[in-house]
């Protein structure tokens, strides 16, 4: 038989097959009038070997004992009659005989349970009813007395939580905790937090709160073993002091301490005085207009330019001024 690839080459474009090639092409197929041999169908012989003959099938169907084992195990359904325990094996009979009548209408199944209904009933019987209340007399190991919580905390508040300001230096002898500090006659405006590190050493954080001046900032000072660092309170910054937007300047202005560490947006040509900025303070400037010059003055101090000497660039130009002792550093970057 001619290979299929060879047949394809004979009948490709622009080729004219010969008579022999055309007959070879026809011989590669089975004609419908021809009978196909069994050995020419792959796997057919094995399939036929696994089937029963017509005679075997007929004998099996006519054999009254062929399915006797299966029919002997069947259970007949009789109308109006329930199954009896006699219909079960001995194993199932024993399980049925061990069951008891249990009311399960109020049970809420949850999770998996592998025991018998009798085991489940025993576990339920051993549990206390959800409405059961214990008697105080039935509790073992109960305390005989109770702490008067109201008087207890009142005593601690008066004796241990309030201290005179003159007694601050002996905090090293106090246990860790928080104490209200009395300043003046009746002005309870301080808080002392004591942190004991060991039996003979402690540190504290003292917080001063003013009650009589509205808007006064909190002040704090730190101490170790009764020795205050510098002995002075340091004010805590307001949130707005730390997180705040810049300011706009459009005319001649003298900057104040409040402008320190801020960004000043200059909107028009003007003169800006810098001598009120504190030592080691700084201010950033951004020019937000194109034409015109911004002039810096710093009366009483030496001006030192570290970049351009005139703030006259286009919109977006920047300048940073910094004060150190008697010098005023001005760093201009024009664009």
Protein backbone atom coordinates (compact mmCIF):
# COMPACT_ATOMS: atom_id res chain seq x y z
CA UNK A 1 0.00 0.00 0.00
CA UNK A 2 1.31 3.42 -0.96
CA UNK A 3 2.07 5.80 1.93
CA UNK A 4 -0.35 8.72 2.36
CA UNK A 5 2.42 11.34 2.09
CA UNK A 6 3.41 9.88 -1.31
CA UNK A 7 -0.21 10.05 -2.47
CA UNK A 8 -0.40 13.71 -1.45
CA UNK A 9 2.70 14.52 -3.51
CA UNK A 10 1.20 12.89 -6.63
CA UNK A 11 -1.97 15.00 -6.34
CA UNK A 12 -0.35 18.32 -5.35
CA UNK A 13 -0.88 21.54 -7.36
CA UNK A 14 0.41 21.70 -10.94
CA UNK A 15 0.99 17.90 -11.09
CA UNK A 16 -0.85 15.39 -13.34
CA UNK A 17 -1.07 11.87 -11.82
CA UNK A 18 -0.56 8.84 -14.05
CA UNK A 19 -3.04 5.97 -14.32
CA UNK A 20 -0.93 3.82 -12.01
CA UNK A 21 -0.79 6.62 -9.42
CA UNK A 22 -4.56 7.18 -9.63
CA UNK A 23 -5.22 3.44 -9.12
CA UNK A 24 -2.79 3.39 -6.20
CA UNK A 25 -4.80 6.24 -4.67
CA UNK A 26 -8.05 4.24 -5.05
CA UNK A 27 -6.44 1.10 -3.60
CA UNK A 28 -5.66 3.01 -0.39
CA UNK A 29 -9.42 3.03 0.54
CA UNK A 30 -11.97 0.26 1.29
CA UNK A 31 -14.82 0.15 -1.23
CA UNK A 32 -18.31 -0.17 0.29
CA UNK A 33 -18.81 -3.43 -1.62
CA UNK A 34 -15.75 -4.97 0.06
CA UNK A 35 -15.86 -6.74 3.44
CA UNK A 36 -13.30 -5.47 5.95
CA UNK A 37 -11.34 -8.31 7.59
CA UNK A 38 -11.57 -8.43 11.40
CA UNK A 39 -7.80 -8.29 11.79
CA UNK A 40 -7.80 -4.96 9.89
CA UNK A 41 -9.86 -3.24 12.67
CA UNK A 42 -7.53 -2.46 15.57
CA UNK A 43 -8.69 -3.87 18.95
CA UNK A 44 -11.80 -5.59 17.54
CA UNK A 45 -10.50 -9.09 18.28
CA UNK A 46 -10.02 -8.31 22.00
CA UNK A 47 -13.45 -6.68 22.20
CA UNK A 48 -15.14 -9.74 20.70
CA UNK A 49 -13.23 -12.12 22.99
CA UNK A 50 -14.71 -10.33 26.07
CA UNK A 51 -18.36 -10.85 25.01
CA UNK A 52 -20.61 -13.81 25.59
CA UNK A 53 -21.92 -15.86 22.72
CA UNK A 54 -25.62 -15.93 21.88
CA UNK A 55 -25.82 -19.48 23.23
CA UNK A 56 -24.19 -18.51 26.55
CA UNK A 57 -26.52 -15.52 26.97
CA UNK A 58 -29.60 -17.65 26.23
CA UNK A 59 -28.53 -20.33 28.74
CA UNK A 60 -27.93 -17.68 31.45
CA UNK A 61 -31.36 -16.10 30.97
CA UNK A 62 -33.10 -19.49 31.11
CA UNK A 63 -31.19 -20.60 34.26
CA UNK A 64 -33.60 -20.14 37.25
CA UNK A 65 -30.73 -20.40 39.72
CA UNK A 66 -28.50 -17.75 38.08
CA UNK A 67 -29.53 -14.90 40.43
CA UNK A 68 -30.70 -16.92 43.43
CA UNK A 69 -28.10 -15.40 45.80
CA UNK A 70 -29.24 -11.85 45.03
CA UNK A 71 -32.97 -12.61 45.30
CA UNK A 72 -32.48 -14.41 48.62
CA UNK A 73 -31.20 -11.12 50.15
CA UNK A 74 -34.08 -8.94 49.03
CA UNK A 75 -36.72 -7.49 51.39
CA UNK A 76 -40.32 -7.56 50.16
CA UNK A 77 -42.31 -4.35 50.61
CA UNK A 78 -45.74 -5.07 52.05
CA UNK A 79 -48.27 -2.23 52.06
CA UNK A 80 -49.16 -1.11 55.61
CA UNK A 81 -46.35 -3.12 57.20
CA UNK A 82 -43.12 -1.67 58.58
CA UNK A 83 -39.79 -3.44 58.50
CA UNK A 84 -39.09 -5.77 61.43
CA UNK A 85 -35.81 -6.19 63.28
CA UNK A 86 -35.89 -9.76 61.94
CA UNK A 87 -35.04 -8.29 58.56
CA UNK A 88 -31.65 -7.02 59.82
CA UNK A 89 -28.40 -8.79 60.57
CA UNK A 90 -27.40 -9.63 64.15
CA UNK A 91 -25.04 -6.62 64.22
CA UNK A 92 -27.84 -4.18 63.40
CA UNK A 93 -30.24 -5.97 65.77
CA UNK A 94 -27.87 -5.36 68.69
CA UNK A 95 -27.61 -1.66 67.85
CA UNK A 96 -31.39 -1.32 67.60
CA UNK A 97 -31.97 -3.11 70.93
CA UNK A 98 -29.52 -0.71 72.66
CA UNK A 99 -31.46 2.41 71.68
CA UNK A 100 -33.77 4.25 74.08
CA UNK A 101 -36.58 6.68 73.48
CA UNK A 102 -35.09 10.21 73.67
CA UNK A 103 -36.85 13.48 72.94
CA UNK A 104 -34.55 15.32 70.52
CA UNK A 105 -37.02 18.01 69.43
CA UNK A 106 -35.09 20.68 71.34
CA UNK A 107 -31.60 19.68 70.22
CA UNK A 108 -29.59 21.78 67.81
CA UNK A 109 -27.01 19.53 66.10
CA UNK A 110 -23.60 21.12 65.61
CA UNK A 111 -20.45 19.50 64.26
CA UNK A 112 -19.81 15.77 63.85
CA UNK A 113 -20.88 13.07 66.33
CA UNK A 114 -19.67 9.48 66.02
CA UNK A 115 -21.21 7.90 69.14
CA UNK A 116 -24.55 6.20 69.63
CA UNK A 117 -27.78 7.90 70.60
CA UNK A 118 -27.43 6.33 74.07
CA UNK A 119 -23.98 7.91 74.49
CA UNK A 120 -25.37 11.25 73.38
CA UNK A 121 -28.21 11.02 75.92
CA UNK A 122 -25.73 10.33 78.73
CA UNK A 123 -23.65 13.36 77.80
CA UNK A 124 -26.76 15.54 77.72
CA UNK A 125 -27.97 14.21 81.09
CA UNK A 126 -24.60 15.10 82.68
CA UNK A 127 -24.93 18.77 81.66
CA UNK A 128 -26.60 21.41 83.81
CA UNK A 129 -29.69 23.12 82.48
CA UNK A 130 -28.94 26.49 80.91
CA UNK A 131 -31.34 28.12 83.39
CA UNK A 132 -29.61 26.55 86.39
CA UNK A 133 -28.26 28.97 89.01
CA UNK A 134 -25.47 28.08 91.43
CA UNK A 135 -26.00 28.69 95.11
CA UNK A 136 -23.31 30.79 96.83
CA UNK A 137 -23.14 28.20 99.58
CA UNK A 138 -22.32 25.42 97.09
CA UNK A 139 -19.19 27.15 95.72
CA UNK A 140 -15.96 25.72 97.09
CA UNK A 141 -13.03 28.02 97.95
CA UNK A 142 -15.12 31.20 97.93
CA UNK A 143 -13.68 34.28 99.79
CA UNK A 144 -15.14 35.07 103.17
CA UNK A 145 -14.79 38.87 102.86
CA UNK A 146 -14.87 41.48 100.09
CA UNK A 147 -12.94 44.71 99.56
CA UNK A 148 -14.96 47.89 99.84
CA UNK A 149 -13.93 49.20 96.43
CA UNK A 150 -15.34 52.68 96.94
CA UNK A 151 -13.47 53.30 100.20
CA UNK A 152 -10.37 51.53 98.88
CA UNK A 153 -9.95 53.85 95.92
CA UNK A 154 -10.89 56.94 97.92
CA UNK A 155 -8.14 56.14 100.42
CA UNK A 156 -5.59 55.56 97.66
CA UNK A 157 -6.61 58.78 95.97
CA UNK A 158 -6.14 60.84 99.13
CA UNK A 159 -3.04 59.11 100.52
CA UNK A 160 -1.10 57.79 97.57
CA UNK A 161 -2.16 59.61 94.41
CA UNK A 162 -1.76 63.24 95.53
CA UNK A 163 1.57 64.73 96.55
CA UNK A 164 2.85 68.20 97.43
CA UNK A 165 5.22 69.87 94.97
CA UNK A 166 7.80 70.08 97.77
CA UNK A 167 7.83 66.27 97.94
CA UNK A 168 8.74 65.72 94.30
CA UNK A 169 12.38 64.95 95.04
CA UNK A 170 11.48 61.89 97.09
CA UNK A 171 9.70 60.19 94.21
CA UNK A 172 12.57 57.71 94.05
CA UNK A 173 11.04 56.12 97.14
CA UNK A 174 7.60 55.81 95.53
CA UNK A 175 6.34 52.81 93.57
CA UNK A 176 5.76 53.05 89.83
CA UNK A 177 2.52 54.82 89.01
CA UNK A 178 0.90 58.20 88.38
CA UNK A 179 0.48 60.95 90.99
CA UNK A 180 -1.35 64.28 91.01
CA UNK A 181 0.99 67.12 92.02
CA UNK A 182 -0.26 70.09 94.00
CA UNK A 183 1.12 73.51 93.01
CA UNK A 184 0.04 76.43 95.20
CA UNK A 185 -2.91 76.30 97.57
CA UNK A 186 -5.68 74.42 95.78
CA UNK A 187 -4.30 74.35 92.25
CA UNK A 188 -4.00 70.69 91.29
CA UNK A 189 -2.37 71.20 87.91
CA UNK A 190 0.45 68.68 87.68
CA UNK A 191 0.92 65.01 86.94
CA UNK A 192 3.92 62.89 87.93
CA UNK A 193 4.62 59.57 86.19
CA UNK A 194 7.15 57.39 88.05
CA UNK A 195 8.96 54.52 86.33
CA UNK A 196 10.99 52.33 88.69
CA UNK A 197 13.87 50.55 86.99
CA UNK A 198 15.22 48.71 90.02
CA UNK A 199 14.94 48.69 93.79
CA UNK A 200 17.07 51.82 94.21
CA UNK A 201 16.63 53.73 90.95
CA UNK A 202 13.68 55.38 89.22
CA UNK A 203 12.91 57.98 86.59
CA UNK A 204 9.93 60.28 86.23
CA UNK A 205 8.12 62.48 83.74
CA UNK A 206 6.48 65.56 85.27
CA UNK A 207 3.66 67.26 83.35
CA UNK A 208 2.44 70.76 84.26
CA UNK A 209 -1.07 71.84 83.23
CA UNK A 210 -2.13 75.44 83.81
CA UNK A 211 -5.75 75.83 84.90
CA UNK A 212 -6.00 79.58 84.94
CA UNK A 213 -4.55 80.69 81.58
CA UNK A 214 -6.57 79.65 78.55
CA UNK A 215 -4.54 78.23 75.70
CA UNK A 216 -1.40 77.63 77.78
CA UNK A 217 0.67 74.77 76.43
CA UNK A 218 1.54 71.67 78.39
CA UNK A 219 5.00 71.73 79.97
CA UNK A 220 7.15 68.72 80.82
CA UNK A 221 10.44 67.93 82.53
CA UNK A 222 12.30 64.68 83.02
CA UNK A 223 14.03 63.47 86.18
CA UNK A 224 16.23 60.56 87.18
CA UNK A 225 16.64 59.61 90.84
CA UNK A 226 15.30 62.96 92.02
CA UNK A 227 17.67 65.11 89.91
CA UNK A 228 15.79 67.24 87.36
CA UNK A 229 17.54 67.97 84.10
CA UNK A 230 18.06 71.78 84.00
CA UNK A 231 15.18 72.09 86.47
CA UNK A 232 12.96 73.90 83.94
CA UNK A 233 9.77 72.88 82.23
CA UNK A 234 9.80 72.60 78.43
CA UNK A 235 6.63 73.53 76.57
CA UNK A 236 5.07 71.00 74.22
CA UNK A 237 4.08 72.25 70.78
CA UNK A 238 0.48 72.38 69.65
CA UNK A 239 -0.47 70.18 66.75
CA UNK A 240 -0.89 73.31 64.62
CA UNK A 241 2.68 74.32 65.47
CA UNK A 242 4.03 71.16 63.91
CA UNK A 243 1.53 70.52 61.13
CA UNK A 244 0.61 73.86 59.61
CA UNK A 245 0.34 75.39 56.17
CA UNK A 246 2.56 78.16 54.83
CA UNK A 247 1.72 81.88 54.71
CA UNK A 248 1.21 84.34 51.86
CA UNK A 249 3.09 87.66 51.68
CA UNK A 250 2.25 90.33 49.12
CA UNK A 251 3.59 93.56 50.67
CA UNK A 252 6.48 94.89 52.78
CA UNK A 253 6.61 92.63 55.85
CA UNK A 254 8.68 92.02 59.00
CA UNK A 255 8.68 88.31 59.73
CA UNK A 256 8.02 87.22 63.33
CA UNK A 257 9.05 84.18 65.35
CA UNK A 258 5.80 82.51 64.29
CA UNK A 259 7.12 82.36 60.71
CA UNK A 260 10.09 80.17 61.69
CA UNK A 261 10.30 76.79 59.99
CA UNK A 262 7.51 77.73 57.59
CA UNK A 263 7.21 78.30 53.85
CA UNK A 264 6.41 81.89 52.83
CA UNK A 265 4.79 82.28 49.41
CA UNK A 266 5.69 85.72 48.00
CA UNK A 267 2.96 86.96 45.63
CA UNK A 268 4.27 90.48 44.76
CA UNK A 269 7.46 92.49 44.68
CA UNK A 270 8.18 93.65 48.25
CA UNK A 271 10.75 94.02 51.03
CA UNK A 272 10.99 91.42 53.84
CA UNK A 273 12.76 92.10 57.19
CA UNK A 274 14.35 89.02 58.79
CA UNK A 275 15.91 90.26 62.06
CA UNK A 276 13.11 88.84 64.28
CA UNK A 277 13.96 85.25 63.36
CA UNK A 278 15.64 83.56 66.34
CA UNK A 279 19.15 82.15 66.44
CA UNK A 280 19.35 78.89 64.45
CA UNK A 281 15.89 79.52 63.01
CA UNK A 282 15.14 79.35 59.29
CA UNK A 283 12.43 80.30 56.79
CA UNK A 284 11.82 79.08 53.22
CA UNK A 285 10.48 81.35 50.45
CA UNK A 286 8.90 80.54 47.09
CA UNK A 287 8.29 83.21 44.46
CA UNK A 288 4.81 82.77 42.91
CA UNK A 289 4.95 85.59 40.33
CA UNK A 290 7.21 86.23 37.33
CA UNK A 291 8.11 89.93 37.23
CA UNK A 292 9.63 91.97 40.07
CA UNK A 293 12.20 91.61 42.84
CA UNK A 294 11.90 90.52 46.47
CA UNK A 295 14.37 92.33 48.73
CA UNK A 296 15.64 90.82 52.00
CA UNK A 297 16.93 92.92 54.93
CA UNK A 298 18.27 91.71 58.28
CA UNK A 299 18.90 94.78 60.44
CA UNK A 300 21.77 94.36 62.92
CA UNK A 301 23.13 91.18 61.34
CA UNK A 302 25.61 90.31 58.60
CA UNK A 303 23.94 89.08 55.40
CA UNK A 304 25.85 86.30 53.65
CA UNK A 305 24.62 85.19 50.21
CA UNK A 306 25.38 81.56 49.30
CA UNK A 307 23.67 81.57 45.89
CA UNK A 308 22.23 84.36 43.76
CA UNK A 309 22.37 87.81 45.36
CA UNK A 310 18.98 89.04 44.11
CA UNK A 311 15.63 87.27 44.43
CA UNK A 312 14.27 88.22 40.99
CA UNK A 313 13.75 84.93 39.14
CA UNK A 314 10.59 83.60 37.53
CA UNK A 315 7.66 81.97 39.26
CA UNK A 316 8.90 78.96 41.23
CA UNK A 317 12.24 80.50 42.29
CA UNK A 318 13.18 79.69 45.89
CA UNK A 319 15.16 81.17 48.76
CA UNK A 320 16.09 79.88 52.22
CA UNK A 321 17.31 82.11 55.06
CA UNK A 322 19.00 80.81 58.21
CA UNK A 323 20.15 82.72 61.30
CA UNK A 324 23.24 81.69 63.24
CA UNK A 325 24.34 84.08 65.98
CA UNK A 326 25.03 87.41 64.18
CA UNK A 327 25.01 86.06 60.63
CA UNK A 328 22.02 85.83 58.27
CA UNK A 329 22.60 83.27 55.51
CA UNK A 330 20.49 83.75 52.36
CA UNK A 331 20.51 80.99 49.73
CA UNK A 332 18.69 82.15 46.53
CA UNK A 333 17.95 79.84 43.58
CA UNK A 334 16.42 81.78 40.64
CA UNK A 335 14.92 80.06 37.60
